[in-house]
Amino acid sequence: MRDRQYLATLGRFDIVYSWGVLHHTGAMWEALDNVAPLVAPRGLLFIAIYNDQGAWSGRWKKIKRTYNRTPAPLRFLISWPAFVMEYWRPMLKDFLLLRPFHFAWHYEGKRRGMTIWRDLIDWVGGYPFEVATPGELFEFYKARGFHLEKLTTCGGSVGCNELVLRKNG
């Protein structure tokens, strides 16, 4: 989404959908800007962008960068601590209830076709990693002739804020 010349050849569309992609380009704001002309007047833009959590987002960015710079055979040194950090509560609960790793076998990510481990590696290895607040995204697109149709926030977590924006006619 960074090649403006190529994007200009595509035309305009009633629906432009980029779910959890533009924050992995290494130039998120440029990519967000580049998709705006692809939306036809009165068309919809669907985006999901990682939530900005301030210092936590900065820590995750360092973890992700380190993971990707680490030789593959040593990445478990980062992924296992991340697994424990993310899942220590359900692990402890399952062990206390004498049903070890029950949470992993009933992981909600399976609906998206991922095991708990694949989902973790997708998260830890997802770099470049950029973030924005819902307000920043709203103001950014307002300045480009869009208005907000729907917003679903991730409630302050590491997930994505989801926006549906309509281009003014």
Protein backbone atom coordinates (compact mmCIF):
# COMPACT_ATOMS: atom_id res chain seq x y z
CA MET A 1 0.00 0.00 0.00
CA ARG A 2 2.98 2.28 -0.36
CA ASP A 3 3.33 2.44 -4.16
CA ARG A 4 1.23 5.49 -5.05
CA GLN A 5 1.80 5.13 -8.79
CA TYR A 6 0.52 1.59 -8.79
CA LEU A 7 -2.43 2.44 -6.54
CA ALA A 8 -3.43 5.28 -8.90
CA THR A 9 -3.95 2.72 -11.68
CA LEU A 10 -6.52 0.76 -9.67
CA GLY A 11 -9.40 3.24 -9.79
CA ARG A 12 -11.97 3.94 -7.09
CA PHE A 13 -14.10 1.48 -5.22
CA ASP A 14 -17.30 1.49 -3.20
CA ILE A 15 -15.61 -0.64 -0.53
CA VAL A 16 -11.94 -0.63 0.45
CA TYR A 17 -11.09 -3.19 3.13
CA SER A 18 -7.79 -3.39 4.95
CA TRP A 19 -8.13 -5.34 8.17
CA GLY A 20 -5.02 -5.46 10.32
CA VAL A 21 -2.57 -4.82 7.48
CA LEU A 22 -1.54 -1.17 7.21
CA HIS A 23 0.13 -1.11 10.64
CA HIS A 24 2.61 -3.70 9.34
CA THR A 25 3.88 -1.69 6.35
CA GLY A 26 6.65 0.19 8.15
CA ALA A 27 5.02 3.47 7.11
CA MET A 28 1.52 3.25 8.52
CA TRP A 29 0.48 6.88 8.11
CA GLU A 30 1.67 6.91 4.50
CA ALA A 31 -0.24 3.67 3.84
CA LEU A 32 -3.36 5.06 5.53
CA ASP A 33 -3.07 8.15 3.33
CA ASN A 34 -2.55 6.08 0.19
CA VAL A 35 -5.77 4.10 0.58
CA ALA A 36 -7.97 7.22 0.88
CA PRO A 37 -8.02 8.01 -2.88
CA LEU A 38 -9.09 4.43 -3.62
CA VAL A 39 -12.47 5.05 -1.98
CA ALA A 40 -15.20 6.36 -4.30
CA PRO A 41 -17.42 9.25 -3.15
CA ARG A 42 -19.89 7.89 -0.56
CA GLY A 43 -17.81 4.69 -0.47
CA LEU A 44 -16.73 2.86 2.67
CA LEU A 45 -13.28 2.30 4.10
CA PHE A 46 -12.90 -0.55 6.60
CA ILE A 47 -9.69 -0.52 8.66
CA ALA A 48 -8.39 -2.19 11.79
CA ILE A 49 -5.28 -0.68 13.36
CA TYR A 50 -3.42 -1.68 16.52
CA ASN A 51 -4.37 0.41 19.53
CA ASP A 52 -1.79 2.81 20.93
CA GLN A 53 -1.14 1.89 24.57
CA GLY A 54 1.74 4.30 25.09
CA ALA A 55 4.65 2.64 26.89
CA TRP A 56 3.20 -0.87 26.47
CA SER A 57 3.11 -0.39 22.70
CA GLY A 58 6.74 0.73 22.82
CA ARG A 59 7.72 -2.40 24.74
CA TRP A 60 5.88 -4.66 22.32
CA LYS A 61 7.59 -2.94 19.40
CA LYS A 62 11.00 -3.70 20.95
CA ILE A 63 10.01 -7.33 21.63
CA LYS A 64 8.75 -7.79 18.06
CA ARG A 65 11.85 -6.17 16.53
CA THR A 66 14.13 -8.33 18.70
CA TYR A 67 12.18 -11.48 17.82
CA ASN A 68 12.55 -10.78 14.10
CA ARG A 69 16.27 -10.03 14.40
CA THR A 70 16.93 -13.20 16.41
CA PRO A 71 18.03 -16.33 14.52
CA ALA A 72 15.08 -18.71 14.10
CA PRO A 73 16.49 -21.48 16.33
CA LEU A 74 16.72 -19.01 19.25
CA ARG A 75 13.33 -17.31 18.89
CA PHE A 76 11.83 -19.60 21.52
CA LEU A 77 13.82 -17.51 24.05
CA ILE A 78 11.37 -14.71 23.25
CA SER A 79 8.22 -16.63 22.34
CA TRP A 80 8.07 -18.78 25.49
CA PRO A 81 8.30 -15.84 27.91
CA ALA A 82 5.68 -14.05 25.80
CA PHE A 83 3.45 -17.13 26.03
CA VAL A 84 3.80 -17.21 29.82
CA MET A 85 3.24 -13.44 30.06
CA GLU A 86 0.06 -13.66 27.96
CA TYR A 87 -1.41 -16.86 29.38
CA TRP A 88 -0.19 -17.31 32.96
CA ARG A 89 -3.65 -16.60 34.40
CA PRO A 90 -5.57 -19.28 32.44
CA MET A 91 -2.62 -21.68 32.89
CA LEU A 92 -2.71 -21.22 36.66
CA LYS A 93 -6.49 -21.58 36.75
CA ASP A 94 -6.37 -24.80 34.70
CA PHE A 95 -3.65 -26.30 36.90
CA LEU A 96 -5.60 -25.43 40.06
CA LEU A 97 -8.70 -27.06 38.54
CA LEU A 98 -6.60 -30.12 37.63
CA ARG A 99 -7.16 -29.69 33.91
CA PRO A 100 -3.75 -28.59 32.56
CA PHE A 101 -3.81 -26.53 29.35
CA HIS A 102 -7.59 -26.83 28.95
CA PHE A 103 -7.62 -23.18 27.83
CA ALA A 104 -5.19 -23.93 24.99
CA TRP A 105 -7.34 -26.74 23.59
CA HIS A 106 -10.42 -24.51 23.71
CA TYR A 107 -8.71 -21.39 22.44
CA GLU A 108 -11.02 -18.85 20.81
CA GLY A 109 -8.51 -18.19 18.01
CA LYS A 110 -9.40 -21.54 16.49
CA ARG A 111 -12.36 -19.78 14.88
CA ARG A 112 -9.79 -17.87 12.82
CA GLY A 113 -7.96 -21.06 11.93
CA MET A 114 -5.10 -20.60 14.41
CA THR A 115 -3.83 -22.66 17.27
CA ILE A 116 -2.91 -20.75 20.39
CA TRP A 117 0.80 -21.14 19.55
CA ARG A 118 0.43 -19.96 15.91
CA ASP A 119 -1.58 -16.96 17.11
CA LEU A 120 1.15 -16.10 19.62
CA ILE A 121 3.89 -16.36 16.98
CA ASP A 122 1.78 -14.23 14.63
CA TRP A 123 1.53 -11.61 17.40
CA VAL A 124 5.15 -11.69 18.60
CA GLY A 125 6.54 -11.86 15.06
CA GLY A 126 4.26 -9.15 13.63
CA TYR A 127 6.80 -6.49 12.73
CA PRO A 128 6.86 -3.70 11.60
CA PHE A 129 4.43 -2.72 14.31
CA GLU A 130 2.75 0.67 14.44
CA VAL A 131 -0.17 1.94 16.49
CA ALA A 132 -2.74 4.73 16.65
CA THR A 133 -5.57 5.85 18.89
CA PRO A 134 -9.11 5.93 17.56
CA GLY A 135 -9.04 9.72 17.85
CA GLU A 136 -5.88 10.00 15.74
CA LEU A 137 -7.42 7.82 13.04
CA PHE A 138 -10.70 9.74 13.12
CA GLU A 139 -8.96 13.13 12.79
CA PHE A 140 -6.62 11.82 10.09
CA TYR A 141 -9.49 10.66 7.89
CA LYS A 142 -11.72 13.62 8.72
CA ALA A 143 -9.03 15.83 7.17
CA ARG A 144 -9.23 13.67 4.03
CA GLY A 145 -12.98 13.99 3.58
CA PHE A 146 -14.31 11.01 5.53
CA HIS A 147 -16.73 10.70 8.41
CA LEU A 148 -17.02 7.92 10.93
CA GLU A 149 -19.82 5.40 10.40
CA LYS A 150 -18.84 2.86 13.06
CA LEU A 151 -16.12 2.43 15.67
CA THR A 152 -15.34 -0.65 17.72
CA THR A 153 -12.49 -0.14 20.16
CA CYS A 154 -10.43 -2.89 21.71
CA GLY A 155 -11.11 -1.46 25.15
CA GLY A 156 -7.58 -0.26 25.80
CA SER A 157 -5.97 -3.63 25.07
CA VAL A 158 -3.30 -4.65 22.57
CA GLY A 159 -5.91 -5.47 19.95
CA CYS A 160 -7.10 -3.43 17.02
CA ASN A 161 -9.50 -0.53 16.91
CA GLU A 162 -11.92 -1.12 14.04
CA LEU A 163 -13.28 1.78 12.00
CA VAL A 164 -15.76 2.03 9.18
CA LEU A 165 -15.42 5.41 7.48
CA ARG A 166 -17.54 6.88 4.68
CA LYS A 167 -16.07 9.21 2.11
CA ASN A 168 -18.05 12.40 1.80
CA GLY A 169 -19.89 12.78 -1.51
